[in-house]
Amino acid sequence: MGLYDTTNWQKQKHGLNAVLSPPLFLSSYSLYLSKQTRNTDPSRLWSSWDFDKARGHLMAIQRQDGTDEVYRRGIVVASNVPRETYLEFCDGEPKVSVKHRLIDGKVIAHEIPLNPHSVVQGVLTGEIYTWNRCELDVMGELDITVNTRDVYRPDACIQPQQRRQPPQRRAVNATGNPYPTMVIEIGSTESLNSLHELATGYFSPRTNIQMYLAIKLFPRRQDRTFALLALFYRRDQPNPTVPCIAKSFGTANLHISTTRFLLNIPNFPANSLTGVGCGQVACDGPNLPDYQLAIPTNLLFDDVPTGVPNGTPNDFFIDLWDIQRAYSRALRR
């Protein structure tokens, strides 16, 4: 991961040096906004000011479908942050204006929860809630420890209510609860490469997460069409951190930069890339077989002592048309 330290000018905040820089494009680098610190007092680490600055830089991005949407990096708000300090901050977190996670000890702002992102998040959680509300908990953002220096916070996750309780050292976070079996990330300002790299953390040896779904929302083009991409990863596959499904489901074909990125993923089977512009029919209505994303229920109910509940189908389905339609509505507002 390339990191670019922009030290154009500094501002004192809470007695710590805050490094700021005003470039509009983050390109394939991370932008450092603020502190290098090992301070263990979370009340002195960050303020809403830091996250507002990160939001300003993300808002300033002139989004255009192409290389930047594939490789853009997030904004480093702080670095050298212990995991326990970050989790303590999150537990008492003030309202901040960007989505963030801890990666290799760095607090990285990666997304702005604007209408398009939030609408897609709502559609997905609403659809998943109908699968089996008596046996599955559908949760929003949850702090998930994936490594000693990494804490992710997905947009949605699914957990069987009867999943086996883990030992404290293998719990999802300080609550002592088990990991979810499926996590979902939605990337609007967050790049495709960033979403892809999260698979390594979600399937780290510390977790027992079984499935990861990434939805990439590309910006609207001049002709008012847009591309959408779903990447589906499964722990039970020979290469868990390689998507076993890459489905294009927007109103436009994927940009060539996106296609090249996918085909250059080591061990990615070329026939895994399907959907709009990839030899299948247009995604222009509900219940189209090509755009039903199957979620195996044996993986959803992994590590449940009684197994998959009686009467449960082999798969639940996400209709990608519902996501496309919701995203289109959000763009018109």
C-alpha atoms as a PDB file:
ATOM      1  CA  MET A   1       0.000   0.000   0.000  1.00  0.00           C
ATOM      2  CA  GLY A   2       1.578   3.292  -1.064  1.00  0.00           C
ATOM      3  CA  LEU A   3       1.473   6.037   1.567  1.00  0.00           C
ATOM      4  CA  TYR A   4       2.063   9.704   0.840  1.00  0.00           C
ATOM      5  CA  ASP A   5       2.932  11.987   3.766  1.00  0.00           C
ATOM      6  CA  THR A   6       1.805  15.510   2.902  1.00  0.00           C
ATOM      7  CA  THR A   7       3.343  17.919   5.404  1.00  0.00           C
ATOM      8  CA  ASN A   8       2.532  21.233   3.779  1.00  0.00           C
ATOM      9  CA  TRP A   9       1.425  22.956   6.927  1.00  0.00           C
ATOM     10  CA  GLN A  10       0.527  22.215  10.510  1.00  0.00           C
ATOM     11  CA  LYS A  11      -2.037  23.194  13.074  1.00  0.00           C
ATOM     12  CA  GLN A  12      -1.993  22.610  16.816  1.00  0.00           C
ATOM     13  CA  LYS A  13      -4.999  20.691  18.159  1.00  0.00           C
ATOM     14  CA  HIS A  14      -5.299  19.232  21.657  1.00  0.00           C
ATOM     15  CA  GLY A  15      -1.566  19.768  22.103  1.00  0.00           C
ATOM     16  CA  LEU A  16      -0.749  17.430  19.184  1.00  0.00           C
ATOM     17  CA  ASN A  17       0.572  18.240  15.740  1.00  0.00           C
ATOM     18  CA  ALA A  18      -2.109  17.948  13.048  1.00  0.00           C
ATOM     19  CA  VAL A  19      -0.736  17.603   9.545  1.00  0.00           C
ATOM     20  CA  LEU A  20      -3.052  18.910   6.847  1.00  0.00           C
ATOM     21  CA  SER A  21      -2.928  19.112   3.083  1.00  0.00           C
ATOM     22  CA  PRO A  22      -5.458  20.398   0.540  1.00  0.00           C
ATOM     23  CA  PRO A  23      -5.131  18.193  -2.586  1.00  0.00           C
ATOM     24  CA  LEU A  24      -8.395  17.359  -4.324  1.00  0.00           C
ATOM     25  CA  PHE A  25      -7.424  13.904  -5.576  1.00  0.00           C
ATOM     26  CA  LEU A  26      -6.242  11.099  -3.308  1.00  0.00           C
ATOM     27  CA  SER A  27      -5.368   8.917  -6.317  1.00  0.00           C
ATOM     28  CA  SER A  28      -3.614   5.689  -5.316  1.00  0.00           C
ATOM     29  CA  TYR A  29      -2.143   7.076  -2.108  1.00  0.00           C
ATOM     30  CA  SER A  30      -3.305   7.658   1.433  1.00  0.00           C
ATOM     31  CA  LEU A  31      -3.388  11.255   2.613  1.00  0.00           C
ATOM     32  CA  TYR A  32      -2.100  11.933   6.121  1.00  0.00           C
ATOM     33  CA  LEU A  33      -4.214  14.524   7.896  1.00  0.00           C
ATOM     34  CA  SER A  34      -3.119  14.277  11.443  1.00  0.00           C
ATOM     35  CA  LYS A  35      -1.299  12.773  14.368  1.00  0.00           C
ATOM     36  CA  GLN A  36       1.503  10.312  14.815  1.00  0.00           C
ATOM     37  CA  THR A  37       0.762   9.258  18.393  1.00  0.00           C
ATOM     38  CA  ARG A  38       1.007   6.551  20.973  1.00  0.00           C
ATOM     39  CA  ASN A  39      -1.136   8.446  23.450  1.00  0.00           C
ATOM     40  CA  THR A  40      -3.421   5.923  25.150  1.00  0.00           C
ATOM     41  CA  ASP A  41      -5.991   8.510  26.248  1.00  0.00           C
ATOM     42  CA  PRO A  42      -8.671   8.368  23.513  1.00  0.00           C
ATOM     43  CA  SER A  43     -10.150  11.678  24.635  1.00  0.00           C
ATOM     44  CA  ARG A  44      -6.964  13.374  23.408  1.00  0.00           C
ATOM     45  CA  LEU A  45      -6.517  11.449  20.170  1.00  0.00           C
ATOM     46  CA  TRP A  46      -9.052  13.006  17.837  1.00  0.00           C
ATOM     47  CA  SER A  47     -11.938  15.394  17.717  1.00  0.00           C
ATOM     48  CA  SER A  48     -14.791  15.945  15.295  1.00  0.00           C
ATOM     49  CA  TRP A  49     -12.482  18.580  13.784  1.00  0.00           C
ATOM     50  CA  ASP A  50     -10.148  15.854  12.489  1.00  0.00           C
ATOM     51  CA  PHE A  51     -12.966  13.892  10.912  1.00  0.00           C
ATOM     52  CA  ASP A  52     -14.563  17.021   9.452  1.00  0.00           C
ATOM     53  CA  LYS A  53     -11.269  17.756   7.701  1.00  0.00           C
ATOM     54  CA  ALA A  54     -11.206  14.219   6.346  1.00  0.00           C
ATOM     55  CA  ARG A  55     -14.785  14.643   5.156  1.00  0.00           C
ATOM     56  CA  GLY A  56     -13.823  17.860   3.380  1.00  0.00           C
ATOM     57  CA  HIS A  57     -11.094  16.094   1.441  1.00  0.00           C
ATOM     58  CA  LEU A  58     -13.395  13.210   0.511  1.00  0.00           C
ATOM     59  CA  MET A  59     -16.114  15.646  -0.576  1.00  0.00           C
ATOM     60  CA  ALA A  60     -13.587  17.517  -2.743  1.00  0.00           C
ATOM     61  CA  ILE A  61     -12.859  14.461  -4.872  1.00  0.00           C
ATOM     62  CA  GLN A  62     -14.036  15.039  -8.439  1.00  0.00           C
ATOM     63  CA  ARG A  63     -15.324  11.522  -9.018  1.00  0.00           C
ATOM     64  CA  GLN A  64     -15.098  10.071 -12.500  1.00  0.00           C
ATOM     65  CA  ASP A  65     -15.356   6.403 -13.418  1.00  0.00           C
ATOM     66  CA  GLY A  66     -11.854   5.151 -14.122  1.00  0.00           C
ATOM     67  CA  THR A  67      -8.515   4.498 -12.441  1.00  0.00           C
ATOM     68  CA  ASP A  68      -9.174   6.618  -9.331  1.00  0.00           C
ATOM     69  CA  GLU A  69     -12.329   4.640  -8.529  1.00  0.00           C
ATOM     70  CA  VAL A  70     -10.234   1.479  -8.612  1.00  0.00           C
ATOM     71  CA  TYR A  71      -7.156   2.582  -6.659  1.00  0.00           C
ATOM     72  CA  ARG A  72      -8.014   5.654  -4.537  1.00  0.00           C
ATOM     73  CA  ARG A  73      -6.843   5.394  -0.920  1.00  0.00           C
ATOM     74  CA  GLY A  74      -8.431   6.664   2.260  1.00  0.00           C
ATOM     75  CA  ILE A  75      -7.303   9.470   4.559  1.00  0.00           C
ATOM     76  CA  VAL A  76      -5.121   8.732   7.573  1.00  0.00           C
ATOM     77  CA  VAL A  77      -6.553  10.592  10.559  1.00  0.00           C
ATOM     78  CA  ALA A  78      -4.037   9.160  13.067  1.00  0.00           C
ATOM     79  CA  SER A  79      -1.335   6.503  13.152  1.00  0.00           C
ATOM     80  CA  ASN A  80       0.496   4.314  15.676  1.00  0.00           C
ATOM     81  CA  VAL A  81      -2.819   3.774  17.469  1.00  0.00           C
ATOM     82  CA  PRO A  82      -3.127   0.678  19.702  1.00  0.00           C
ATOM     83  CA  ARG A  83      -6.167  -1.475  19.008  1.00  0.00           C
ATOM     84  CA  GLU A  84      -7.452  -1.120  22.573  1.00  0.00           C
ATOM     85  CA  THR A  85      -7.258   2.671  22.327  1.00  0.00           C
ATOM     86  CA  TYR A  86      -9.185   2.683  19.067  1.00  0.00           C
ATOM     87  CA  LEU A  87     -11.888   0.405  20.474  1.00  0.00           C
ATOM     88  CA  GLU A  88     -12.187   2.588  23.570  1.00  0.00           C
ATOM     89  CA  PHE A  89     -12.595   5.614  21.324  1.00  0.00           C
ATOM     90  CA  CYS A  90     -15.292   3.816  19.324  1.00  0.00           C
ATOM     91  CA  ASP A  91     -17.164   2.813  22.485  1.00  0.00           C
ATOM     92  CA  GLY A  92     -17.510   6.445  23.560  1.00  0.00           C
ATOM     93  CA  GLU A  93     -17.295   7.888  20.069  1.00  0.00           C
ATOM     94  CA  PRO A  94     -18.820  11.293  19.444  1.00  0.00           C
ATOM     95  CA  LYS A  95     -20.802  11.680  16.262  1.00  0.00           C
ATOM     96  CA  VAL A  96     -18.314  11.928  13.412  1.00  0.00           C
ATOM     97  CA  SER A  97     -18.978  12.790   9.795  1.00  0.00           C
ATOM     98  CA  VAL A  98     -17.093   9.980   8.029  1.00  0.00           C
ATOM     99  CA  LYS A  99     -16.830   6.203   8.184  1.00  0.00           C
ATOM    100  CA  HIS A 100     -13.489   4.947   9.477  1.00  0.00           C
ATOM    101  CA  ARG A 101     -11.581   1.809  10.433  1.00  0.00           C
ATOM    102  CA  LEU A 102      -8.235   0.835  11.980  1.00  0.00           C
ATOM    103  CA  ILE A 103      -5.728  -0.696   9.549  1.00  0.00           C
ATOM    104  CA  ASP A 104      -2.196  -1.516  10.678  1.00  0.00           C
ATOM    105  CA  GLY A 105      -2.516   0.941  13.553  1.00  0.00           C
ATOM    106  CA  LYS A 106      -3.797   3.770  11.342  1.00  0.00           C
ATOM    107  CA  VAL A 107      -7.244   5.345  11.724  1.00  0.00           C
ATOM    108  CA  ILE A 108      -8.379   5.686   8.112  1.00  0.00           C
ATOM    109  CA  ALA A 109     -11.410   7.658   6.924  1.00  0.00           C
ATOM    110  CA  HIS A 110     -12.712   5.987   3.793  1.00  0.00           C
ATOM    111  CA  GLU A 111     -16.355   6.855   3.156  1.00  0.00           C
ATOM    112  CA  ILE A 112     -19.000   9.560   3.514  1.00  0.00           C
ATOM    113  CA  PRO A 113     -22.466   8.238   4.441  1.00  0.00           C
ATOM    114  CA  LEU A 114     -24.365  10.273   1.856  1.00  0.00           C
ATOM    115  CA  ASN A 115     -27.715   9.288   0.319  1.00  0.00           C
ATOM    116  CA  PRO A 116     -26.487   6.795  -2.327  1.00  0.00           C
ATOM    117  CA  HIS A 117     -24.438   4.826   0.191  1.00  0.00           C
ATOM    118  CA  SER A 118     -27.114   4.937   2.902  1.00  0.00           C
ATOM    119  CA  VAL A 119     -29.963   3.968   0.576  1.00  0.00           C
ATOM    120  CA  VAL A 120     -28.109   0.893  -0.663  1.00  0.00           C
ATOM    121  CA  GLN A 121     -27.250  -0.026   2.924  1.00  0.00           C
ATOM    122  CA  GLY A 122     -30.924   0.226   3.877  1.00  0.00           C
ATOM    123  CA  VAL A 123     -32.115  -1.867   0.937  1.00  0.00           C
ATOM    124  CA  LEU A 124     -29.631  -4.631   1.692  1.00  0.00           C
ATOM    125  CA  THR A 125     -30.372  -4.845   5.413  1.00  0.00           C
ATOM    126  CA  GLY A 126     -34.113  -4.715   4.761  1.00  0.00           C
ATOM    127  CA  GLU A 127     -33.952  -7.552   2.243  1.00  0.00           C
ATOM    128  CA  ILE A 128     -31.727  -9.689   4.459  1.00  0.00           C
ATOM    129  CA  TYR A 129     -34.015  -9.160   7.462  1.00  0.00           C
ATOM    130  CA  THR A 130     -36.773 -11.073   5.664  1.00  0.00           C
ATOM    131  CA  TRP A 131     -34.682 -14.241   5.319  1.00  0.00           C
ATOM    132  CA  ASN A 132     -35.163 -15.666   8.817  1.00  0.00           C
ATOM    133  CA  ARG A 133     -35.806 -13.046  11.473  1.00  0.00           C
ATOM    134  CA  CYS A 134     -36.357 -15.710  14.127  1.00  0.00           C
ATOM    135  CA  GLU A 135     -32.886 -17.244  13.755  1.00  0.00           C
ATOM    136  CA  LEU A 136     -30.657 -14.510  12.281  1.00  0.00           C
ATOM    137  CA  ASP A 137     -29.645 -11.130  13.672  1.00  0.00           C
ATOM    138  CA  VAL A 138     -29.044  -8.490  11.010  1.00  0.00           C
ATOM    139  CA  MET A 139     -26.797  -5.767  12.390  1.00  0.00           C
ATOM    140  CA  GLY A 140     -25.536  -2.453  11.155  1.00  0.00           C
ATOM    141  CA  GLU A 141     -22.054  -1.154  11.886  1.00  0.00           C
ATOM    142  CA  LEU A 142     -20.111  -3.359  14.293  1.00  0.00           C
ATOM    143  CA  ASP A 143     -16.489  -3.059  15.427  1.00  0.00           C
ATOM    144  CA  ILE A 144     -14.827  -6.279  14.274  1.00  0.00           C
ATOM    145  CA  THR A 145     -11.324  -7.147  15.457  1.00  0.00           C
ATOM    146  CA  VAL A 146      -9.546  -8.926  12.609  1.00  0.00           C
ATOM    147  CA  ASN A 147      -5.922  -8.662  13.804  1.00  0.00           C
ATOM    148  CA  THR A 148      -3.875  -7.169  16.622  1.00  0.00           C
ATOM    149  CA  ARG A 149      -3.633  -3.833  14.744  1.00  0.00           C
ATOM    150  CA  ASP A 150      -6.799  -3.963  12.643  1.00  0.00           C
ATOM    151  CA  VAL A 151     -10.443  -3.241  13.458  1.00  0.00           C
ATOM    152  CA  TYR A 152     -13.023  -3.106  10.662  1.00  0.00           C
ATOM    153  CA  ARG A 153     -16.555  -1.743  10.784  1.00  0.00           C
ATOM    154  CA  PRO A 154     -18.762  -3.205   8.008  1.00  0.00           C
ATOM    155  CA  ASP A 155     -21.938  -1.575   6.748  1.00  0.00           C
ATOM    156  CA  ALA A 156     -23.966  -4.652   7.672  1.00  0.00           C
ATOM    157  CA  CYS A 157     -23.395  -8.110   9.074  1.00  0.00           C
ATOM    158  CA  ILE A 158     -25.385 -11.251   9.796  1.00  0.00           C
ATOM    159  CA  GLN A 159     -25.042 -13.470  12.839  1.00  0.00           C
ATOM    160  CA  PRO A 160     -26.963 -16.615  13.798  1.00  0.00           C
ATOM    161  CA  GLN A 161     -28.566 -16.098  17.180  1.00  0.00           C
ATOM    162  CA  GLN A 162     -27.339 -19.496  18.382  1.00  0.00           C
ATOM    163  CA  ARG A 163     -23.746 -19.288  17.145  1.00  0.00           C
ATOM    164  CA  ARG A 164     -21.333 -20.881  19.597  1.00  0.00           C
ATOM    165  CA  GLN A 165     -19.882 -18.483  22.185  1.00  0.00           C
ATOM    166  CA  PRO A 166     -16.117 -18.064  21.678  1.00  0.00           C
ATOM    167  CA  PRO A 167     -13.388 -17.723  24.327  1.00  0.00           C
ATOM    168  CA  GLN A 168     -12.834 -14.054  25.181  1.00  0.00           C
ATOM    169  CA  ARG A 169      -9.525 -13.887  23.304  1.00  0.00           C
ATOM    170  CA  ARG A 170     -11.315 -14.919  20.096  1.00  0.00           C
ATOM    171  CA  ALA A 171     -14.396 -12.725  20.478  1.00  0.00           C
ATOM    172  CA  VAL A 172     -15.426 -10.193  17.858  1.00  0.00           C
ATOM    173  CA  ASN A 173     -14.672  -7.298  20.234  1.00  0.00           C
ATOM    174  CA  ALA A 174     -14.764  -6.407  23.945  1.00  0.00           C
ATOM    175  CA  THR A 175     -18.398  -7.558  24.243  1.00  0.00           C
ATOM    176  CA  GLY A 176     -17.254 -11.183  24.120  1.00  0.00           C
ATOM    177  CA  ASN A 177     -19.763 -12.030  21.385  1.00  0.00           C
ATOM    178  CA  PRO A 178     -19.059 -14.340  18.432  1.00  0.00           C
ATOM    179  CA  TYR A 179     -18.156 -13.095  14.992  1.00  0.00           C
ATOM    180  CA  PRO A 180     -20.890 -12.691  12.378  1.00  0.00           C
ATOM    181  CA  THR A 181     -20.943 -15.281   9.626  1.00  0.00           C
ATOM    182  CA  MET A 182     -21.335 -12.699   6.840  1.00  0.00           C
ATOM    183  CA  VAL A 183     -20.183  -9.097   6.477  1.00  0.00           C
ATOM    184  CA  ILE A 184     -21.109  -6.491   3.857  1.00  0.00           C
ATOM    185  CA  GLU A 185     -19.153  -3.417   2.757  1.00  0.00           C
ATOM    186  CA  ILE A 186     -20.499  -0.711   0.437  1.00  0.00           C
ATOM    187  CA  GLY A 187     -17.993   1.531  -1.315  1.00  0.00           C
ATOM    188  CA  SER A 188     -18.911   4.839  -2.900  1.00  0.00           C
ATOM    189  CA  THR A 189     -15.908   7.113  -2.344  1.00  0.00           C
ATOM    190  CA  GLU A 190     -14.044   4.012  -1.143  1.00  0.00           C
ATOM    191  CA  SER A 191     -12.184   2.407  -4.030  1.00  0.00           C
ATOM    192  CA  LEU A 192     -12.568  -1.057  -5.487  1.00  0.00           C
ATOM    193  CA  ASN A 193      -9.039  -2.037  -4.464  1.00  0.00           C
ATOM    194  CA  SER A 194      -9.696  -0.950  -0.869  1.00  0.00           C
ATOM    195  CA  LEU A 195     -12.844  -3.089  -0.732  1.00  0.00           C
ATOM    196  CA  HIS A 196     -10.972  -6.051  -2.201  1.00  0.00           C
ATOM    197  CA  GLU A 197      -8.121  -5.792   0.309  1.00  0.00           C
ATOM    198  CA  LEU A 198     -10.566  -6.100   3.221  1.00  0.00           C
ATOM    199  CA  ALA A 199     -11.105  -9.775   2.365  1.00  0.00           C
ATOM    200  CA  THR A 200      -7.686 -10.623   3.812  1.00  0.00           C
ATOM    201  CA  GLY A 201      -8.635  -9.141   7.176  1.00  0.00           C
ATOM    202  CA  TYR A 202     -12.150 -10.541   7.301  1.00  0.00           C
ATOM    203  CA  PHE A 203     -10.791 -14.034   6.615  1.00  0.00           C
ATOM    204  CA  SER A 204      -7.772 -13.745   8.912  1.00  0.00           C
ATOM    205  CA  PRO A 205      -6.973 -16.719  11.197  1.00  0.00           C
ATOM    206  CA  ARG A 206      -8.416 -14.797  14.165  1.00  0.00           C
ATOM    207  CA  THR A 207     -11.953 -14.641  12.745  1.00  0.00           C
ATOM    208  CA  ASN A 208     -14.425 -17.312  11.696  1.00  0.00           C
ATOM    209  CA  ILE A 209     -16.368 -15.083   9.308  1.00  0.00           C
ATOM    210  CA  GLN A 210     -17.530 -17.229   6.395  1.00  0.00           C
ATOM    211  CA  MET A 211     -18.659 -14.754   3.707  1.00  0.00           C
ATOM    212  CA  TYR A 212     -17.837 -11.218   2.612  1.00  0.00           C
ATOM    213  CA  LEU A 213     -19.916  -9.227   0.119  1.00  0.00           C
ATOM    214  CA  ALA A 214     -18.529  -5.981  -1.311  1.00  0.00           C
ATOM    215  CA  ILE A 215     -20.731  -3.618  -3.334  1.00  0.00           C
ATOM    216  CA  LYS A 216     -18.922  -0.934  -5.338  1.00  0.00           C
ATOM    217  CA  LEU A 217     -20.994   2.099  -6.394  1.00  0.00           C
ATOM    218  CA  PHE A 218     -19.437   3.884  -9.351  1.00  0.00           C
ATOM    219  CA  PRO A 219     -20.256   7.538 -10.137  1.00  0.00           C
ATOM    220  CA  ARG A 220     -22.841   8.535 -12.710  1.00  0.00           C
ATOM    221  CA  ARG A 221     -21.454   9.180 -16.195  1.00  0.00           C
ATOM    222  CA  GLN A 222     -22.257  12.061 -18.524  1.00  0.00           C
ATOM    223  CA  ASP A 223     -24.963  10.012 -20.250  1.00  0.00           C
ATOM    224  CA  ARG A 224     -26.538   9.437 -16.784  1.00  0.00           C
ATOM    225  CA  THR A 225     -25.726   5.722 -16.745  1.00  0.00           C
ATOM    226  CA  PHE A 226     -23.618   4.091 -14.043  1.00  0.00           C
ATOM    227  CA  ALA A 227     -21.779   0.863 -13.316  1.00  0.00           C
ATOM    228  CA  LEU A 228     -22.272  -1.289 -10.226  1.00  0.00           C
ATOM    229  CA  LEU A 229     -20.239  -4.281  -9.097  1.00  0.00           C
ATOM    230  CA  ALA A 230     -20.818  -7.017  -6.518  1.00  0.00           C
ATOM    231  CA  LEU A 231     -17.844  -9.055  -5.280  1.00  0.00           C
ATOM    232  CA  PHE A 232     -18.581 -12.179  -3.232  1.00  0.00           C
ATOM    233  CA  TYR A 233     -15.903 -13.967  -1.193  1.00  0.00           C
ATOM    234  CA  ARG A 234     -16.198 -17.279   0.676  1.00  0.00           C
ATOM    235  CA  ARG A 235     -13.863 -18.751   3.276  1.00  0.00           C
ATOM    236  CA  ASP A 236     -14.576 -22.285   2.046  1.00  0.00           C
ATOM    237  CA  GLN A 237     -13.112 -21.584  -1.403  1.00  0.00           C
ATOM    238  CA  PRO A 238      -9.564 -22.643  -2.411  1.00  0.00           C
ATOM    239  CA  ASN A 239      -8.605 -18.934  -2.589  1.00  0.00           C
ATOM    240  CA  PRO A 240     -10.837 -17.190  -0.018  1.00  0.00           C
ATOM    241  CA  THR A 241      -9.419 -13.709  -0.655  1.00  0.00           C
ATOM    242  CA  VAL A 242     -10.217 -13.948  -4.377  1.00  0.00           C
ATOM    243  CA  PRO A 243     -13.847 -13.190  -5.291  1.00  0.00           C
ATOM    244  CA  CYS A 244     -15.668 -16.311  -6.450  1.00  0.00           C
ATOM    245  CA  ILE A 245     -18.338 -14.067  -7.987  1.00  0.00           C
ATOM    246  CA  ALA A 246     -17.814 -10.675  -9.637  1.00  0.00           C
ATOM    247  CA  LYS A 247     -21.160  -9.445 -10.971  1.00  0.00           C
ATOM    248  CA  SER A 248     -21.645  -6.270 -12.999  1.00  0.00           C
ATOM    249  CA  PHE A 249     -25.225  -5.055 -12.479  1.00  0.00           C
ATOM    250  CA  GLY A 250     -25.426  -1.359 -13.307  1.00  0.00           C
ATOM    251  CA  THR A 251     -26.982   0.441 -16.265  1.00  0.00           C
ATOM    252  CA  ALA A 252     -23.568   0.685 -17.968  1.00  0.00           C
ATOM    253  CA  ASN A 253     -20.669  -1.662 -18.622  1.00  0.00           C
ATOM    254  CA  LEU A 254     -17.737  -1.671 -16.225  1.00  0.00           C
ATOM    255  CA  HIS A 255     -14.926   0.761 -17.048  1.00  0.00           C
ATOM    256  CA  ILE A 256     -11.908  -0.907 -18.641  1.00  0.00           C
ATOM    257  CA  SER A 257      -9.827  -0.004 -15.554  1.00  0.00           C
ATOM    258  CA  THR A 258     -12.226  -2.008 -13.385  1.00  0.00           C
ATOM    259  CA  THR A 259     -12.165  -5.007 -15.701  1.00  0.00           C
ATOM    260  CA  ARG A 260      -8.370  -4.986 -15.863  1.00  0.00           C
ATOM    261  CA  PHE A 261      -8.113  -4.781 -12.092  1.00  0.00           C
ATOM    262  CA  LEU A 262     -10.334  -7.836 -11.637  1.00  0.00           C
ATOM    263  CA  LEU A 263      -8.607  -9.917 -14.308  1.00  0.00           C
ATOM    264  CA  ASN A 264      -5.212  -9.087 -12.789  1.00  0.00           C
ATOM    265  CA  ILE A 265      -6.139 -10.432  -9.333  1.00  0.00           C
ATOM    266  CA  PRO A 266      -3.937 -13.530  -8.885  1.00  0.00           C
ATOM    267  CA  ASN A 267      -5.930 -16.762  -9.314  1.00  0.00           C
ATOM    268  CA  PHE A 268      -9.089 -14.878 -10.336  1.00  0.00           C
ATOM    269  CA  PRO A 269     -11.018 -17.101 -12.793  1.00  0.00           C
ATOM    270  CA  ALA A 270     -11.968 -15.017 -15.832  1.00  0.00           C
ATOM    271  CA  ASN A 271     -15.334 -16.795 -16.017  1.00  0.00           C
ATOM    272  CA  SER A 272     -16.199 -15.442 -12.554  1.00  0.00           C
ATOM    273  CA  LEU A 273     -16.786 -11.981 -14.077  1.00  0.00           C
ATOM    274  CA  THR A 274     -20.366 -11.923 -15.350  1.00  0.00           C
ATOM    275  CA  GLY A 275     -23.345  -9.624 -15.717  1.00  0.00           C
ATOM    276  CA  VAL A 276     -23.846  -6.373 -17.614  1.00  0.00           C
ATOM    277  CA  GLY A 277     -21.326  -6.066 -20.435  1.00  0.00           C
ATOM    278  CA  CYS A 278     -19.989  -9.552 -19.725  1.00  0.00           C
ATOM    279  CA  GLY A 279     -22.210 -11.660 -21.941  1.00  0.00           C
ATOM    280  CA  GLN A 280     -25.416 -11.663 -19.892  1.00  0.00           C
ATOM    281  CA  VAL A 281     -28.717  -9.851 -20.293  1.00  0.00           C
ATOM    282  CA  ALA A 282     -29.231  -6.334 -18.963  1.00  0.00           C
ATOM    283  CA  CYS A 283     -30.157  -5.928 -15.306  1.00  0.00           C
ATOM    284  CA  ASP A 284     -33.412  -4.135 -16.063  1.00  0.00           C
ATOM    285  CA  GLY A 285     -36.060  -5.764 -13.911  1.00  0.00           C
ATOM    286  CA  PRO A 286     -36.755  -7.794 -10.766  1.00  0.00           C
ATOM    287  CA  ASN A 287     -36.283 -11.547 -10.334  1.00  0.00           C
ATOM    288  CA  LEU A 288     -33.910 -11.998 -13.275  1.00  0.00           C
ATOM    289  CA  PRO A 289     -32.049 -15.295 -12.693  1.00  0.00           C
ATOM    290  CA  ASP A 290     -28.680 -13.815 -13.723  1.00  0.00           C
ATOM    291  CA  TYR A 291     -28.935 -11.173 -10.991  1.00  0.00           C
ATOM    292  CA  GLN A 292     -29.980 -13.282  -8.006  1.00  0.00           C
ATOM    293  CA  LEU A 293     -26.974 -13.537  -5.688  1.00  0.00           C
ATOM    294  CA  ALA A 294     -27.183 -16.842  -3.813  1.00  0.00           C
ATOM    295  CA  ILE A 295     -26.075 -16.844  -0.154  1.00  0.00           C
ATOM    296  CA  PRO A 296     -25.502 -20.433   1.108  1.00  0.00           C
ATOM    297  CA  THR A 297     -27.379 -21.038   4.333  1.00  0.00           C
ATOM    298  CA  ASN A 298     -24.931 -23.678   5.574  1.00  0.00           C
ATOM    299  CA  LEU A 299     -22.329 -20.888   5.770  1.00  0.00           C
ATOM    300  CA  LEU A 300     -24.785 -18.427   7.307  1.00  0.00           C
ATOM    301  CA  PHE A 301     -25.444 -20.904  10.127  1.00  0.00           C
ATOM    302  CA  ASP A 302     -21.821 -21.967  10.550  1.00  0.00           C
ATOM    303  CA  ASP A 303     -20.809 -23.023  14.081  1.00  0.00           C
ATOM    304  CA  VAL A 304     -24.402 -23.307  15.278  1.00  0.00           C
ATOM    305  CA  PRO A 305     -24.633 -26.463  17.450  1.00  0.00           C
ATOM    306  CA  THR A 306     -27.996 -27.486  15.986  1.00  0.00           C
ATOM    307  CA  GLY A 307     -26.982 -26.691  12.411  1.00  0.00           C
ATOM    308  CA  VAL A 308     -29.189 -25.108   9.760  1.00  0.00           C
ATOM    309  CA  PRO A 309     -32.785 -24.818  11.049  1.00  0.00           C
ATOM    310  CA  ASN A 310     -35.269 -27.303   9.639  1.00  0.00           C
ATOM    311  CA  GLY A 311     -37.143 -26.046   6.606  1.00  0.00           C
ATOM    312  CA  THR A 312     -34.439 -23.539   5.652  1.00  0.00           C
ATOM    313  CA  PRO A 313     -33.639 -23.479   1.900  1.00  0.00           C
ATOM    314  CA  ASN A 314     -30.127 -24.198   0.655  1.00  0.00           C
ATOM    315  CA  ASP A 315     -29.712 -20.557  -0.351  1.00  0.00           C
ATOM    316  CA  PHE A 316     -31.155 -17.148   0.405  1.00  0.00           C
ATOM    317  CA  PHE A 317     -31.049 -14.593  -2.410  1.00  0.00           C
ATOM    318  CA  ILE A 318     -30.225 -10.922  -2.876  1.00  0.00           C
ATOM    319  CA  ASP A 319     -31.888  -9.400  -5.943  1.00  0.00           C
ATOM    320  CA  LEU A 320     -29.249  -7.043  -7.356  1.00  0.00           C
ATOM    321  CA  TRP A 321     -31.938  -5.185  -9.299  1.00  0.00           C
ATOM    322  CA  ASP A 322     -33.256  -3.845  -5.985  1.00  0.00           C
ATOM    323  CA  ILE A 323     -29.844  -2.302  -5.304  1.00  0.00           C
ATOM    324  CA  GLN A 324     -29.583  -0.821  -8.790  1.00  0.00           C
ATOM    325  CA  ARG A 325     -33.040   0.714  -8.556  1.00  0.00           C
ATOM    326  CA  ALA A 326     -32.365   2.206  -5.104  1.00  0.00           C
ATOM    327  CA  TYR A 327     -29.026   3.653  -6.232  1.00  0.00           C
ATOM    328  CA  SER A 328     -30.632   5.185  -9.313  1.00  0.00           C
ATOM    329  CA  ARG A 329     -33.282   6.885  -7.163  1.00  0.00           C
ATOM    330  CA  ALA A 330     -30.634   8.265  -4.811  1.00  0.00           C
ATOM    331  CA  LEU A 331     -28.643   9.746  -7.705  1.00  0.00           C
ATOM    332  CA  ARG A 332     -31.701  11.615  -9.002  1.00  0.00           C
ATOM    333  CA  ARG A 333     -32.198  13.508  -5.732  1.00  0.00           C
END
